[in-house]
Amino acid sequence: MHNRSVVSELRTMAKGVAAARASGDGEMAVRVARAYASALDKAVKYGVIHANRANRGKRRLASMVFSQATARV
């Protein structure tokens, strides 16, 4: 039951990253992205998700958020 709630929270955080990115606030998007990456790492540490899934998520996150942050500068 705990694993399901952690995965659900990860999905919710991913939606928050997308919302922050869509709002155009680069600083907020980076803050939310870092929190999401940390949550992915914690989920791996406790065995909730596989390490490759977390790495894939962080890679996609970086390409999505940080490319926008550099484009706005």
C-alpha atoms as a PDB file:
ATOM      1  CA  MET A   1       0.000   0.000   0.000  1.00  0.00           C
ATOM      2  CA  HIS A   2       2.851   2.374   0.796  1.00  0.00           C
ATOM      3  CA  ASN A   3       4.446   1.834  -2.612  1.00  0.00           C
ATOM      4  CA  ARG A   4       1.243   2.820  -4.361  1.00  0.00           C
ATOM      5  CA  SER A   5       1.057   6.100  -2.468  1.00  0.00           C
ATOM      6  CA  VAL A   6       4.697   6.899  -3.268  1.00  0.00           C
ATOM      7  CA  VAL A   7       4.170   6.252  -6.985  1.00  0.00           C
ATOM      8  CA  SER A   8       1.009   8.359  -6.877  1.00  0.00           C
ATOM      9  CA  GLU A   9       2.944  11.206  -5.254  1.00  0.00           C
ATOM     10  CA  LEU A  10       5.614  10.931  -7.961  1.00  0.00           C
ATOM     11  CA  ARG A  11       2.949  11.286 -10.649  1.00  0.00           C
ATOM     12  CA  THR A  12       1.498  14.295  -8.859  1.00  0.00           C
ATOM     13  CA  MET A  13       4.939  15.901  -8.652  1.00  0.00           C
ATOM     14  CA  ALA A  14       5.506  15.271 -12.371  1.00  0.00           C
ATOM     15  CA  LYS A  15       2.267  17.094 -13.116  1.00  0.00           C
ATOM     16  CA  GLY A  16       3.455  19.942 -10.902  1.00  0.00           C
ATOM     17  CA  VAL A  17       6.666  20.191 -12.921  1.00  0.00           C
ATOM     18  CA  ALA A  18       4.662  20.339 -16.147  1.00  0.00           C
ATOM     19  CA  ALA A  19       2.392  23.020 -14.693  1.00  0.00           C
ATOM     20  CA  ALA A  20       5.341  25.112 -13.513  1.00  0.00           C
ATOM     21  CA  ARG A  21       6.944  24.790 -16.926  1.00  0.00           C
ATOM     22  CA  ALA A  22       3.721  25.797 -18.672  1.00  0.00           C
ATOM     23  CA  SER A  23       3.369  28.871 -16.456  1.00  0.00           C
ATOM     24  CA  GLY A  24       6.652  30.181 -17.828  1.00  0.00           C
ATOM     25  CA  ASP A  25       8.242  30.722 -14.416  1.00  0.00           C
ATOM     26  CA  GLY A  26      11.675  29.193 -14.985  1.00  0.00           C
ATOM     27  CA  GLU A  27      12.867  29.574 -11.414  1.00  0.00           C
ATOM     28  CA  MET A  28       9.800  27.841 -10.007  1.00  0.00           C
ATOM     29  CA  ALA A  29      10.094  25.060 -12.584  1.00  0.00           C
ATOM     30  CA  VAL A  30      13.713  24.427 -11.594  1.00  0.00           C
ATOM     31  CA  ARG A  31      12.790  24.327  -7.886  1.00  0.00           C
ATOM     32  CA  VAL A  32       9.950  21.867  -8.482  1.00  0.00           C
ATOM     33  CA  ALA A  33      12.158  19.800 -10.799  1.00  0.00           C
ATOM     34  CA  ARG A  34      14.838  19.446  -8.138  1.00  0.00           C
ATOM     35  CA  ALA A  35      12.266  18.305  -5.594  1.00  0.00           C
ATOM     36  CA  TYR A  36      10.907  15.771  -8.092  1.00  0.00           C
ATOM     37  CA  ALA A  37      14.396  14.436  -8.839  1.00  0.00           C
ATOM     38  CA  SER A  38      15.018  14.057  -5.111  1.00  0.00           C
ATOM     39  CA  ALA A  39      11.731  12.193  -4.679  1.00  0.00           C
ATOM     40  CA  LEU A  40      12.692   9.850  -7.530  1.00  0.00           C
ATOM     41  CA  ASP A  41      16.013   9.102  -5.832  1.00  0.00           C
ATOM     42  CA  LYS A  42      14.279   8.408  -2.524  1.00  0.00           C
ATOM     43  CA  ALA A  43      11.820   6.054  -4.238  1.00  0.00           C
ATOM     44  CA  VAL A  44      14.771   4.130  -5.690  1.00  0.00           C
ATOM     45  CA  LYS A  45      16.485   4.017  -2.311  1.00  0.00           C
ATOM     46  CA  TYR A  46      13.455   2.357  -0.735  1.00  0.00           C
ATOM     47  CA  GLY A  47      12.920   0.000  -3.678  1.00  0.00           C
ATOM     48  CA  VAL A  48       9.640   1.474  -4.862  1.00  0.00           C
ATOM     49  CA  ILE A  49      10.806   2.032  -8.444  1.00  0.00           C
ATOM     50  CA  HIS A  50      13.725   0.739 -10.492  1.00  0.00           C
ATOM     51  CA  ALA A  51      16.848   2.872 -10.789  1.00  0.00           C
ATOM     52  CA  ASN A  52      16.605   2.956 -14.584  1.00  0.00           C
ATOM     53  CA  ARG A  53      13.088   4.363 -14.385  1.00  0.00           C
ATOM     54  CA  ALA A  54      14.266   7.146 -12.081  1.00  0.00           C
ATOM     55  CA  ASN A  55      17.228   7.942 -14.309  1.00  0.00           C
ATOM     56  CA  ARG A  56      14.985   8.069 -17.362  1.00  0.00           C
ATOM     57  CA  GLY A  57      12.605  10.392 -15.541  1.00  0.00           C
ATOM     58  CA  LYS A  58      15.416  12.698 -14.434  1.00  0.00           C
ATOM     59  CA  ARG A  59      16.867  12.793 -17.943  1.00  0.00           C
ATOM     60  CA  ARG A  60      13.514  13.745 -19.446  1.00  0.00           C
ATOM     61  CA  LEU A  61      12.972  16.260 -16.683  1.00  0.00           C
ATOM     62  CA  ALA A  62      16.329  17.909 -17.312  1.00  0.00           C
ATOM     63  CA  SER A  63      15.777  18.153 -21.045  1.00  0.00           C
ATOM     64  CA  MET A  64      12.293  19.600 -20.524  1.00  0.00           C
ATOM     65  CA  VAL A  65      12.907  22.068 -17.685  1.00  0.00           C
ATOM     66  CA  PHE A  66      16.480  23.173 -18.056  1.00  0.00           C
ATOM     67  CA  SER A  67      16.207  23.684 -21.813  1.00  0.00           C
ATOM     68  CA  GLN A  68      13.337  26.068 -21.119  1.00  0.00           C
ATOM     69  CA  ALA A  69      15.305  27.869 -18.401  1.00  0.00           C
ATOM     70  CA  THR A  70      18.238  28.482 -20.750  1.00  0.00           C
ATOM     71  CA  ALA A  71      15.929  29.538 -23.577  1.00  0.00           C
ATOM     72  CA  ARG A  72      14.422  32.269 -21.377  1.00  0.00           C
ATOM     73  CA  VAL A  73      17.814  33.781 -20.434  1.00  0.00           C
END
